[in-house]
Amino acid sequence: MKMDTKERILVESMKLFSVNGFDSVSVRMIADAVGVGNSALYKHYKSKQAILDAIVEKSKQRFCMQYENEVQQIQGLKKLKEMCLEMYEFQTKDEWMVMFRRLLVIEQFKNPQMAKLYQQFFIELPVQSQAALFSKLIEENMMVDRNPEVMAMELYAPFFLYHMATKDNIAMLLEKHVENFMEMYFIKKEG
C-alpha cells in the first residue's frame, strides 16, 4: 500500500524519534528521510511537535482499536487468555507500537510530559481497560466480587514486566500466569 506524504512523514518521524529521541531529530532530518523539502513538510504539519502529537494520537487509536477488537471477541471466559496473549504480542511485535514504546522510554527521562504519556499509555490505559472488563464480568457473576482495579493490576503487572524481559519462554509463562489468575478469580459454573 502506497503511503501519501503526510503518512510518510509520520512513519519516518517515528523511526527517527524512536532511535534518536525527539530533541535530537531536526525537521531537516525528517524532510530528508521522507524525500521532501522543509516547506512540503510544513504543508502537512506546522511543527515538529505537531508531528509528535499526530504520532501519539495514531498510537492511541491503534492501541484502542486492537484492544476493542480483542474485547469484542470475548465470549465468556474462553477468549480471555487469548486476548491477554494477543495484546502482549501486539505491544511487543507490532512495529509501530514497538517504536512508540521505545520513543516514550527514551523521552520519559528528559520530558515530564512524555513520562506522563508513558505512564498513561502503557500502565494506566491497560489497567483501566481491564478493570472495566472485570467490573462487567463481576456484574455478570462470572468473576468473584473483588476490587476490579487490583485484579487488573495483578493480571497486567507480569505482562508489563515482560515487555523488558528477554526470556525465551515468556509466552509459556504468561499463558500460565493467565490460567492461574482465572483459577483464582473466575467463578466455575456447575454442569
N, C-alpha and C. Protein backbone atom coordinates (compact mmCIF):
# COMPACT_ATOMS: atom_id res chain seq x y z
N MET A 1 0.85 -1.18 0.00
CA MET A 1 0.00 0.00 0.00
C MET A 1 0.89 1.24 0.00
N LYS A 2 0.64 2.11 -0.93
CA LYS A 2 1.43 3.33 -1.07
C LYS A 2 0.94 4.38 -0.09
N MET A 3 1.88 4.96 0.64
CA MET A 3 1.54 5.99 1.61
C MET A 3 1.61 7.36 0.96
N ASP A 4 0.72 8.24 1.42
CA ASP A 4 0.83 9.62 0.97
C ASP A 4 1.92 10.32 1.78
N THR A 5 2.25 11.53 1.40
CA THR A 5 3.34 12.26 2.04
C THR A 5 3.09 12.47 3.53
N LYS A 6 1.87 12.79 3.88
CA LYS A 6 1.54 13.04 5.28
C LYS A 6 1.81 11.79 6.13
N GLU A 7 1.42 10.63 5.63
CA GLU A 7 1.65 9.37 6.34
C GLU A 7 3.14 9.04 6.38
N ARG A 8 3.85 9.27 5.28
CA ARG A 8 5.30 9.01 5.24
C ARG A 8 6.04 9.88 6.25
N ILE A 9 5.57 11.11 6.43
CA ILE A 9 6.18 12.00 7.43
C ILE A 9 6.05 11.38 8.81
N LEU A 10 4.85 10.86 9.13
CA LEU A 10 4.66 10.21 10.43
C LEU A 10 5.56 9.00 10.61
N VAL A 11 5.60 8.15 9.61
CA VAL A 11 6.37 6.91 9.71
C VAL A 11 7.86 7.21 9.85
N GLU A 12 8.37 8.08 9.00
CA GLU A 12 9.80 8.40 9.07
C GLU A 12 10.15 9.14 10.35
N SER A 13 9.26 10.00 10.81
CA SER A 13 9.49 10.70 12.08
C SER A 13 9.53 9.71 13.22
N MET A 14 8.59 8.77 13.22
CA MET A 14 8.56 7.75 14.27
C MET A 14 9.86 6.96 14.28
N LYS A 15 10.34 6.57 13.12
CA LYS A 15 11.60 5.83 13.04
C LYS A 15 12.74 6.64 13.63
N LEU A 16 12.82 7.90 13.26
CA LEU A 16 13.90 8.76 13.76
C LEU A 16 13.76 9.04 15.25
N PHE A 17 12.56 9.38 15.70
CA PHE A 17 12.33 9.69 17.12
C PHE A 17 12.62 8.48 18.00
N SER A 18 12.25 7.29 17.52
CA SER A 18 12.39 6.09 18.36
C SER A 18 13.84 5.63 18.49
N VAL A 19 14.70 6.13 17.64
CA VAL A 19 16.11 5.78 17.71
C VAL A 19 16.93 6.90 18.36
N ASN A 20 16.63 8.14 17.95
CA ASN A 20 17.44 9.28 18.37
C ASN A 20 16.83 10.11 19.48
N GLY A 21 15.55 9.94 19.74
CA GLY A 21 14.86 10.82 20.67
C GLY A 21 14.30 12.04 19.95
N PHE A 22 13.30 12.62 20.52
CA PHE A 22 12.60 13.75 19.90
C PHE A 22 13.52 14.95 19.71
N ASP A 23 14.24 15.35 20.74
CA ASP A 23 15.06 16.57 20.68
C ASP A 23 16.21 16.46 19.70
N SER A 24 16.70 15.27 19.46
CA SER A 24 17.86 15.09 18.59
C SER A 24 17.51 15.05 17.11
N VAL A 25 16.24 15.03 16.79
CA VAL A 25 15.80 14.95 15.40
C VAL A 25 15.35 16.35 14.95
N SER A 26 15.90 16.79 13.85
CA SER A 26 15.50 18.10 13.30
C SER A 26 14.45 17.92 12.21
N VAL A 27 13.77 19.00 11.90
CA VAL A 27 12.80 18.99 10.80
C VAL A 27 13.51 18.64 9.50
N ARG A 28 14.72 19.12 9.34
CA ARG A 28 15.51 18.82 8.14
C ARG A 28 15.77 17.31 8.03
N MET A 29 16.08 16.66 9.14
CA MET A 29 16.31 15.21 9.13
C MET A 29 15.05 14.47 8.70
N ILE A 30 13.91 14.92 9.19
CA ILE A 30 12.64 14.29 8.82
C ILE A 30 12.38 14.49 7.34
N ALA A 31 12.53 15.73 6.88
CA ALA A 31 12.29 16.03 5.46
C ALA A 31 13.20 15.20 4.57
N ASP A 32 14.47 15.08 4.95
CA ASP A 32 15.41 14.26 4.17
C ASP A 32 14.99 12.80 4.14
N ALA A 33 14.55 12.27 5.27
CA ALA A 33 14.13 10.87 5.33
C ALA A 33 12.89 10.62 4.47
N VAL A 34 12.02 11.61 4.39
CA VAL A 34 10.80 11.48 3.58
C VAL A 34 11.10 11.75 2.11
N GLY A 35 12.14 12.54 1.85
CA GLY A 35 12.48 12.90 0.48
C GLY A 35 11.73 14.12 -0.01
N VAL A 36 11.45 15.03 0.90
CA VAL A 36 10.77 16.28 0.57
C VAL A 36 11.54 17.45 1.18
N GLY A 37 11.17 18.64 0.77
CA GLY A 37 11.76 19.84 1.36
C GLY A 37 11.03 20.22 2.63
N ASN A 38 11.65 21.11 3.39
CA ASN A 38 11.02 21.57 4.64
C ASN A 38 9.63 22.17 4.38
N SER A 39 9.49 22.92 3.29
CA SER A 39 8.20 23.57 3.01
C SER A 39 7.10 22.53 2.78
N ALA A 40 7.43 21.43 2.11
CA ALA A 40 6.43 20.38 1.88
C ALA A 40 6.04 19.74 3.21
N LEU A 41 7.01 19.59 4.11
CA LEU A 41 6.72 19.03 5.42
C LEU A 41 5.79 19.97 6.20
N TYR A 42 6.11 21.27 6.16
CA TYR A 42 5.28 22.24 6.89
C TYR A 42 3.89 22.39 6.28
N LYS A 43 3.73 21.98 5.05
CA LYS A 43 2.40 21.99 4.42
C LYS A 43 1.46 21.01 5.15
N HIS A 44 2.03 19.93 5.67
CA HIS A 44 1.24 18.90 6.33
C HIS A 44 1.21 19.04 7.85
N TYR A 45 2.31 19.50 8.44
CA TYR A 45 2.40 19.66 9.90
C TYR A 45 3.07 21.00 10.19
N LYS A 46 2.49 21.76 11.09
CA LYS A 46 3.02 23.11 11.33
C LYS A 46 4.30 23.13 12.17
N SER A 47 4.62 22.00 12.83
CA SER A 47 5.83 21.95 13.65
C SER A 47 6.21 20.50 13.92
N LYS A 48 7.41 20.34 14.45
CA LYS A 48 7.85 19.00 14.86
C LYS A 48 6.96 18.49 15.99
N GLN A 49 6.52 19.38 16.87
CA GLN A 49 5.62 18.99 17.95
C GLN A 49 4.29 18.49 17.38
N ALA A 50 3.81 19.12 16.32
CA ALA A 50 2.55 18.68 15.69
C ALA A 50 2.71 17.26 15.12
N ILE A 51 3.89 16.95 14.62
CA ILE A 51 4.16 15.59 14.13
C ILE A 51 4.11 14.61 15.30
N LEU A 52 4.76 14.97 16.39
CA LEU A 52 4.75 14.11 17.57
C LEU A 52 3.32 13.93 18.08
N ASP A 53 2.56 14.99 18.13
CA ASP A 53 1.16 14.90 18.57
C ASP A 53 0.37 13.95 17.68
N ALA A 54 0.60 14.00 16.38
CA ALA A 54 -0.09 13.09 15.45
C ALA A 54 0.35 11.64 15.67
N ILE A 55 1.63 11.44 15.97
CA ILE A 55 2.14 10.10 16.27
C ILE A 55 1.46 9.55 17.52
N VAL A 56 1.36 10.39 18.55
CA VAL A 56 0.72 9.97 19.79
C VAL A 56 -0.74 9.61 19.53
N GLU A 57 -1.45 10.44 18.79
CA GLU A 57 -2.86 10.18 18.51
C GLU A 57 -3.03 8.89 17.69
N LYS A 58 -2.19 8.71 16.69
CA LYS A 58 -2.26 7.48 15.89
C LYS A 58 -1.98 6.26 16.76
N SER A 59 -1.03 6.37 17.67
CA SER A 59 -0.69 5.25 18.55
C SER A 59 -1.84 4.91 19.47
N LYS A 60 -2.49 5.94 20.02
CA LYS A 60 -3.65 5.71 20.88
C LYS A 60 -4.76 5.02 20.11
N GLN A 61 -5.05 5.51 18.91
CA GLN A 61 -6.10 4.91 18.09
C GLN A 61 -5.77 3.47 17.76
N ARG A 62 -4.53 3.22 17.41
CA ARG A 62 -4.10 1.87 17.05
C ARG A 62 -4.25 0.91 18.23
N PHE A 63 -3.81 1.36 19.42
CA PHE A 63 -3.92 0.53 20.62
C PHE A 63 -5.39 0.28 20.96
N CYS A 64 -6.18 1.33 21.00
CA CYS A 64 -7.59 1.19 21.38
C CYS A 64 -8.36 0.32 20.39
N MET A 65 -8.07 0.46 19.12
CA MET A 65 -8.74 -0.36 18.11
C MET A 65 -8.39 -1.84 18.31
N GLN A 66 -7.13 -2.13 18.55
CA GLN A 66 -6.71 -3.52 18.78
C GLN A 66 -7.39 -4.06 20.04
N TYR A 67 -7.38 -3.26 21.11
CA TYR A 67 -7.98 -3.71 22.37
C TYR A 67 -9.48 -3.95 22.19
N GLU A 68 -10.18 -3.03 21.54
CA GLU A 68 -11.62 -3.19 21.33
C GLU A 68 -11.92 -4.43 20.50
N ASN A 69 -11.12 -4.69 19.48
CA ASN A 69 -11.30 -5.90 18.67
C ASN A 69 -11.15 -7.15 19.52
N GLU A 70 -10.17 -7.13 20.42
CA GLU A 70 -9.94 -8.29 21.29
C GLU A 70 -11.09 -8.46 22.29
N VAL A 71 -11.52 -7.37 22.90
CA VAL A 71 -12.59 -7.44 23.91
C VAL A 71 -13.90 -7.93 23.29
N GLN A 72 -14.19 -7.49 22.07
CA GLN A 72 -15.43 -7.91 21.41
C GLN A 72 -15.47 -9.41 21.16
N GLN A 73 -14.30 -10.03 21.08
CA GLN A 73 -14.25 -11.47 20.81
C GLN A 73 -14.43 -12.32 22.06
N ILE A 74 -14.42 -11.68 23.23
CA ILE A 74 -14.55 -12.45 24.47
C ILE A 74 -15.99 -12.95 24.59
N GLN A 75 -16.11 -14.24 24.54
CA GLN A 75 -17.40 -14.89 24.77
C GLN A 75 -17.22 -15.68 26.06
N GLY A 76 -17.68 -15.12 27.13
CA GLY A 76 -17.43 -15.75 28.42
C GLY A 76 -15.94 -15.65 28.72
N LEU A 77 -15.38 -16.71 29.27
CA LEU A 77 -14.00 -16.67 29.72
C LEU A 77 -13.02 -17.32 28.76
N LYS A 78 -13.54 -18.05 27.79
CA LYS A 78 -12.66 -18.84 26.93
C LYS A 78 -11.66 -17.98 26.17
N LYS A 79 -12.03 -16.78 25.80
CA LYS A 79 -11.15 -15.95 25.00
C LYS A 79 -10.27 -15.01 25.81
N LEU A 80 -10.45 -14.95 27.12
CA LEU A 80 -9.67 -14.02 27.93
C LEU A 80 -8.18 -14.30 27.83
N LYS A 81 -7.80 -15.55 27.95
CA LYS A 81 -6.38 -15.90 27.87
C LYS A 81 -5.82 -15.52 26.50
N GLU A 82 -6.56 -15.83 25.45
CA GLU A 82 -6.11 -15.47 24.10
C GLU A 82 -5.98 -13.96 23.96
N MET A 83 -6.96 -13.22 24.51
CA MET A 83 -6.92 -11.77 24.42
C MET A 83 -5.66 -11.22 25.09
N CYS A 84 -5.36 -11.71 26.28
CA CYS A 84 -4.17 -11.24 27.01
C CYS A 84 -2.91 -11.50 26.20
N LEU A 85 -2.79 -12.70 25.67
CA LEU A 85 -1.59 -13.06 24.92
C LEU A 85 -1.51 -12.32 23.59
N GLU A 86 -2.65 -12.11 22.94
CA GLU A 86 -2.64 -11.37 21.68
C GLU A 86 -2.31 -9.89 21.90
N MET A 87 -2.79 -9.30 22.99
CA MET A 87 -2.44 -7.91 23.29
C MET A 87 -0.96 -7.79 23.62
N TYR A 88 -0.41 -8.77 24.33
CA TYR A 88 1.02 -8.76 24.61
C TYR A 88 1.80 -8.85 23.31
N GLU A 89 1.39 -9.74 22.46
CA GLU A 89 2.03 -9.91 21.15
C GLU A 89 1.96 -8.60 20.36
N PHE A 90 0.80 -7.96 20.38
CA PHE A 90 0.62 -6.69 19.67
C PHE A 90 1.58 -5.63 20.22
N GLN A 91 1.68 -5.53 21.54
CA GLN A 91 2.53 -4.49 22.13
C GLN A 91 4.02 -4.77 21.97
N THR A 92 4.39 -6.02 21.76
CA THR A 92 5.82 -6.35 21.67
C THR A 92 6.29 -6.71 20.26
N LYS A 93 5.35 -6.93 19.34
CA LYS A 93 5.75 -7.34 17.99
C LYS A 93 5.30 -6.36 16.90
N ASP A 94 4.23 -5.62 17.14
CA ASP A 94 3.76 -4.64 16.16
C ASP A 94 4.82 -3.55 16.01
N GLU A 95 5.34 -3.39 14.82
CA GLU A 95 6.47 -2.47 14.59
C GLU A 95 6.18 -1.05 15.07
N TRP A 96 4.99 -0.55 14.78
CA TRP A 96 4.63 0.81 15.20
C TRP A 96 4.63 0.93 16.72
N MET A 97 3.99 -0.05 17.39
CA MET A 97 3.90 0.01 18.85
C MET A 97 5.26 -0.15 19.51
N VAL A 98 6.12 -0.97 18.93
CA VAL A 98 7.47 -1.14 19.47
C VAL A 98 8.24 0.18 19.36
N MET A 99 8.13 0.84 18.22
CA MET A 99 8.81 2.13 18.05
C MET A 99 8.23 3.18 19.01
N PHE A 100 6.90 3.17 19.19
CA PHE A 100 6.27 4.13 20.09
C PHE A 100 6.73 3.92 21.53
N ARG A 101 6.78 2.69 21.96
CA ARG A 101 7.25 2.39 23.32
C ARG A 101 8.70 2.86 23.47
N ARG A 102 9.53 2.55 22.48
CA ARG A 102 10.94 2.95 22.55
C ARG A 102 11.08 4.47 22.62
N LEU A 103 10.28 5.18 21.84
CA LEU A 103 10.28 6.64 21.87
C LEU A 103 9.95 7.14 23.27
N LEU A 104 8.90 6.60 23.86
CA LEU A 104 8.50 7.05 25.20
C LEU A 104 9.53 6.67 26.26
N VAL A 105 10.14 5.51 26.13
CA VAL A 105 11.17 5.11 27.08
C VAL A 105 12.35 6.08 27.01
N ILE A 106 12.77 6.42 25.80
CA ILE A 106 13.88 7.37 25.63
C ILE A 106 13.53 8.73 26.22
N GLU A 107 12.35 9.21 25.91
CA GLU A 107 11.97 10.58 26.25
C GLU A 107 11.49 10.77 27.68
N GLN A 108 11.07 9.71 28.35
CA GLN A 108 10.48 9.87 29.68
C GLN A 108 11.44 10.47 30.70
N PHE A 109 12.72 10.34 30.49
CA PHE A 109 13.70 10.86 31.45
C PHE A 109 14.06 12.31 31.17
N LYS A 110 13.70 12.81 29.99
CA LYS A 110 14.02 14.19 29.63
C LYS A 110 12.80 15.09 29.65
N ASN A 111 11.63 14.49 29.52
CA ASN A 111 10.43 15.28 29.30
C ASN A 111 9.31 14.76 30.20
N PRO A 112 8.90 15.54 31.19
CA PRO A 112 7.84 15.08 32.10
C PRO A 112 6.53 14.73 31.39
N GLN A 113 6.23 15.42 30.29
CA GLN A 113 5.01 15.10 29.54
C GLN A 113 5.10 13.71 28.92
N MET A 114 6.29 13.37 28.43
CA MET A 114 6.48 12.04 27.83
C MET A 114 6.44 10.96 28.91
N ALA A 115 6.97 11.27 30.08
CA ALA A 115 6.91 10.32 31.19
C ALA A 115 5.46 10.07 31.57
N LYS A 116 4.67 11.14 31.60
CA LYS A 116 3.25 11.01 31.93
C LYS A 116 2.53 10.21 30.85
N LEU A 117 2.88 10.46 29.60
CA LEU A 117 2.26 9.73 28.50
C LEU A 117 2.62 8.25 28.57
N TYR A 118 3.88 7.94 28.88
CA TYR A 118 4.28 6.54 29.03
C TYR A 118 3.45 5.87 30.12
N GLN A 119 3.33 6.55 31.25
CA GLN A 119 2.54 6.04 32.37
C GLN A 119 1.09 5.81 31.95
N GLN A 120 0.51 6.80 31.28
CA GLN A 120 -0.89 6.69 30.87
C GLN A 120 -1.08 5.57 29.86
N PHE A 121 -0.19 5.53 28.88
CA PHE A 121 -0.40 4.63 27.74
C PHE A 121 -0.10 3.17 28.06
N PHE A 122 0.98 2.92 28.77
CA PHE A 122 1.42 1.54 28.97
C PHE A 122 1.14 1.00 30.37
N ILE A 123 0.59 1.85 31.25
CA ILE A 123 0.22 1.35 32.58
C ILE A 123 -1.25 1.63 32.85
N GLU A 124 -1.63 2.90 32.85
CA GLU A 124 -2.99 3.25 33.24
C GLU A 124 -4.05 2.75 32.25
N LEU A 125 -3.84 2.94 30.96
CA LEU A 125 -4.84 2.53 29.97
C LEU A 125 -5.11 1.02 30.01
N PRO A 126 -4.07 0.17 30.01
CA PRO A 126 -4.36 -1.27 30.11
C PRO A 126 -5.06 -1.65 31.42
N VAL A 127 -4.61 -1.07 32.54
CA VAL A 127 -5.21 -1.42 33.82
C VAL A 127 -6.66 -0.94 33.87
N GLN A 128 -6.92 0.29 33.43
CA GLN A 128 -8.30 0.80 33.44
C GLN A 128 -9.20 -0.02 32.52
N SER A 129 -8.69 -0.38 31.35
CA SER A 129 -9.48 -1.17 30.40
C SER A 129 -9.82 -2.54 30.99
N GLN A 130 -8.82 -3.18 31.59
CA GLN A 130 -9.07 -4.49 32.19
C GLN A 130 -10.00 -4.37 33.39
N ALA A 131 -9.85 -3.32 34.19
CA ALA A 131 -10.73 -3.12 35.35
C ALA A 131 -12.18 -2.96 34.90
N ALA A 132 -12.39 -2.23 33.81
CA ALA A 132 -13.75 -2.07 33.27
C ALA A 132 -14.31 -3.42 32.83
N LEU A 133 -13.49 -4.20 32.16
CA LEU A 133 -13.92 -5.53 31.73
C LEU A 133 -14.24 -6.41 32.94
N PHE A 134 -13.39 -6.37 33.96
CA PHE A 134 -13.62 -7.19 35.15
C PHE A 134 -14.86 -6.74 35.90
N SER A 135 -15.12 -5.44 35.93
CA SER A 135 -16.36 -4.95 36.56
C SER A 135 -17.58 -5.55 35.88
N LYS A 136 -17.53 -5.58 34.56
CA LYS A 136 -18.63 -6.16 33.78
C LYS A 136 -18.77 -7.66 34.10
N LEU A 137 -17.65 -8.37 34.15
CA LEU A 137 -17.69 -9.81 34.42
C LEU A 137 -18.15 -10.09 35.86
N ILE A 138 -17.83 -9.20 36.79
CA ILE A 138 -18.32 -9.34 38.17
C ILE A 138 -19.83 -9.17 38.19
N GLU A 139 -20.34 -8.16 37.47
CA GLU A 139 -21.79 -7.92 37.40
C GLU A 139 -22.51 -9.11 36.78
N GLU A 140 -21.86 -9.77 35.83
CA GLU A 140 -22.45 -10.94 35.16
C GLU A 140 -22.23 -12.22 35.96
N ASN A 141 -21.68 -12.08 37.16
CA ASN A 141 -21.43 -13.20 38.06
C ASN A 141 -20.50 -14.25 37.44
N MET A 142 -19.52 -13.76 36.68
CA MET A 142 -18.52 -14.65 36.09
C MET A 142 -17.20 -14.59 36.86
N MET A 143 -17.01 -13.49 37.61
CA MET A 143 -15.82 -13.33 38.43
C MET A 143 -16.24 -13.10 39.87
N VAL A 144 -15.35 -13.46 40.79
CA VAL A 144 -15.62 -13.19 42.19
C VAL A 144 -15.64 -11.68 42.41
N ASP A 145 -16.37 -11.26 43.40
CA ASP A 145 -16.55 -9.83 43.66
C ASP A 145 -15.37 -9.30 44.48
N ARG A 146 -14.36 -8.84 43.78
CA ARG A 146 -13.18 -8.22 44.38
C ARG A 146 -12.97 -6.88 43.70
N ASN A 147 -11.98 -6.14 44.12
CA ASN A 147 -11.68 -4.85 43.52
C ASN A 147 -11.16 -5.06 42.09
N PRO A 148 -11.91 -4.60 41.08
CA PRO A 148 -11.51 -4.84 39.68
C PRO A 148 -10.17 -4.21 39.31
N GLU A 149 -9.88 -3.05 39.90
CA GLU A 149 -8.61 -2.40 39.57
C GLU A 149 -7.42 -3.18 40.12
N VAL A 150 -7.55 -3.70 41.32
CA VAL A 150 -6.48 -4.51 41.91
C VAL A 150 -6.30 -5.79 41.09
N MET A 151 -7.40 -6.41 40.69
CA MET A 151 -7.30 -7.63 39.87
C MET A 151 -6.63 -7.30 38.53
N ALA A 152 -6.98 -6.17 37.95
CA ALA A 152 -6.37 -5.78 36.68
C ALA A 152 -4.86 -5.57 36.85
N MET A 153 -4.47 -4.95 37.94
CA MET A 153 -3.04 -4.76 38.20
C MET A 153 -2.34 -6.10 38.40
N GLU A 154 -3.00 -7.02 39.09
CA GLU A 154 -2.42 -8.35 39.29
C GLU A 154 -2.21 -9.07 37.96
N LEU A 155 -3.19 -8.95 37.09
CA LEU A 155 -3.07 -9.62 35.79
C LEU A 155 -2.04 -8.95 34.91
N TYR A 156 -2.03 -7.62 34.89
CA TYR A 156 -1.20 -6.88 33.94
C TYR A 156 0.26 -6.75 34.35
N ALA A 157 0.55 -6.70 35.63
CA ALA A 157 1.92 -6.43 36.08
C ALA A 157 2.97 -7.35 35.43
N PRO A 158 2.77 -8.67 35.39
CA PRO A 158 3.78 -9.51 34.74
C PRO A 158 3.91 -9.22 33.24
N PHE A 159 2.81 -8.86 32.59
CA PHE A 159 2.89 -8.52 31.16
C PHE A 159 3.77 -7.29 30.98
N PHE A 160 3.58 -6.30 31.83
CA PHE A 160 4.39 -5.08 31.76
C PHE A 160 5.85 -5.41 32.02
N LEU A 161 6.11 -6.21 33.04
CA LEU A 161 7.48 -6.61 33.36
C LEU A 161 8.13 -7.32 32.17
N TYR A 162 7.40 -8.20 31.55
CA TYR A 162 7.97 -8.98 30.45
C TYR A 162 8.17 -8.17 29.17
N HIS A 163 7.64 -6.95 29.11
CA HIS A 163 7.94 -6.10 27.96
C HIS A 163 9.45 -5.82 27.90
N MET A 164 10.08 -5.84 29.05
CA MET A 164 11.50 -5.53 29.11
C MET A 164 12.37 -6.79 29.22
N ALA A 165 11.75 -7.94 29.37
CA ALA A 165 12.50 -9.18 29.55
C ALA A 165 12.88 -9.79 28.21
N THR A 166 13.86 -10.67 28.26
CA THR A 166 14.31 -11.33 27.03
C THR A 166 14.30 -12.85 27.17
N LYS A 167 13.49 -13.37 28.07
CA LYS A 167 13.42 -14.82 28.25
C LYS A 167 12.79 -15.49 27.03
N ASP A 168 13.27 -16.68 26.72
CA ASP A 168 12.75 -17.42 25.58
C ASP A 168 11.33 -17.96 25.82
N ASN A 169 11.03 -18.30 27.06
CA ASN A 169 9.75 -18.95 27.34
C ASN A 169 8.70 -17.98 27.92
N ILE A 170 8.77 -16.73 27.54
CA ILE A 170 7.84 -15.73 28.06
C ILE A 170 6.39 -16.09 27.75
N ALA A 171 6.11 -16.47 26.52
CA ALA A 171 4.73 -16.79 26.14
C ALA A 171 4.17 -17.90 27.02
N MET A 172 4.96 -18.92 27.28
CA MET A 172 4.50 -20.02 28.13
C MET A 172 4.25 -19.52 29.56
N LEU A 173 5.14 -18.70 30.08
CA LEU A 173 4.98 -18.18 31.44
C LEU A 173 3.75 -17.28 31.55
N LEU A 174 3.54 -16.45 30.54
CA LEU A 174 2.37 -15.56 30.57
C LEU A 174 1.07 -16.35 30.45
N GLU A 175 1.08 -17.37 29.62
CA GLU A 175 -0.11 -18.21 29.49
C GLU A 175 -0.44 -18.87 30.83
N LYS A 176 0.58 -19.38 31.50
CA LYS A 176 0.36 -20.00 32.81
C LYS A 176 -0.11 -18.96 33.84
N HIS A 177 0.42 -17.76 33.75
CA HIS A 177 0.00 -16.67 34.65
C HIS A 177 -1.49 -16.40 34.47
N VAL A 178 -1.95 -16.30 33.23
CA VAL A 178 -3.37 -16.02 32.98
C VAL A 178 -4.22 -17.18 33.48
N GLU A 179 -3.78 -18.41 33.25
CA GLU A 179 -4.53 -19.57 33.76
C GLU A 179 -4.65 -19.53 35.28
N ASN A 180 -3.56 -19.22 35.97
CA ASN A 180 -3.59 -19.11 37.43
C ASN A 180 -4.54 -18.00 37.87
N PHE A 181 -4.49 -16.87 37.18
CA PHE A 181 -5.36 -15.75 37.50
C PHE A 181 -6.82 -16.17 37.35
N MET A 182 -7.12 -16.85 36.27
CA MET A 182 -8.50 -17.28 36.02
C MET A 182 -8.97 -18.27 37.09
N GLU A 183 -8.10 -19.19 37.47
CA GLU A 183 -8.46 -20.14 38.52
C GLU A 183 -8.77 -19.44 39.83
N MET A 184 -8.07 -18.37 40.09
CA MET A 184 -8.22 -17.65 41.35
C MET A 184 -9.49 -16.78 41.37
N TYR A 185 -9.85 -16.17 40.24
CA TYR A 185 -10.88 -15.14 40.27
C TYR A 185 -12.16 -15.47 39.51
N PHE A 186 -12.15 -16.48 38.66
CA PHE A 186 -13.35 -16.76 37.89
C PHE A 186 -14.21 -17.82 38.57
N ILE A 187 -15.49 -17.60 38.49
CA ILE A 187 -16.45 -18.49 39.14
C ILE A 187 -16.70 -19.69 38.23
N LYS A 188 -16.52 -20.85 38.76
CA LYS A 188 -16.78 -22.07 38.00
C LYS A 188 -18.25 -22.39 38.07
N LYS A 189 -18.83 -22.54 36.92
CA LYS A 189 -20.26 -22.85 36.83
C LYS A 189 -20.46 -24.37 36.90
N GLU A 190 -21.53 -24.77 37.57
CA GLU A 190 -21.86 -26.20 37.63
C GLU A 190 -22.36 -26.67 36.28
N GLY A 191 -22.02 -27.90 35.93
CA GLY A 191 -22.54 -28.50 34.72
C GLY A 191 -21.62 -28.31 33.63
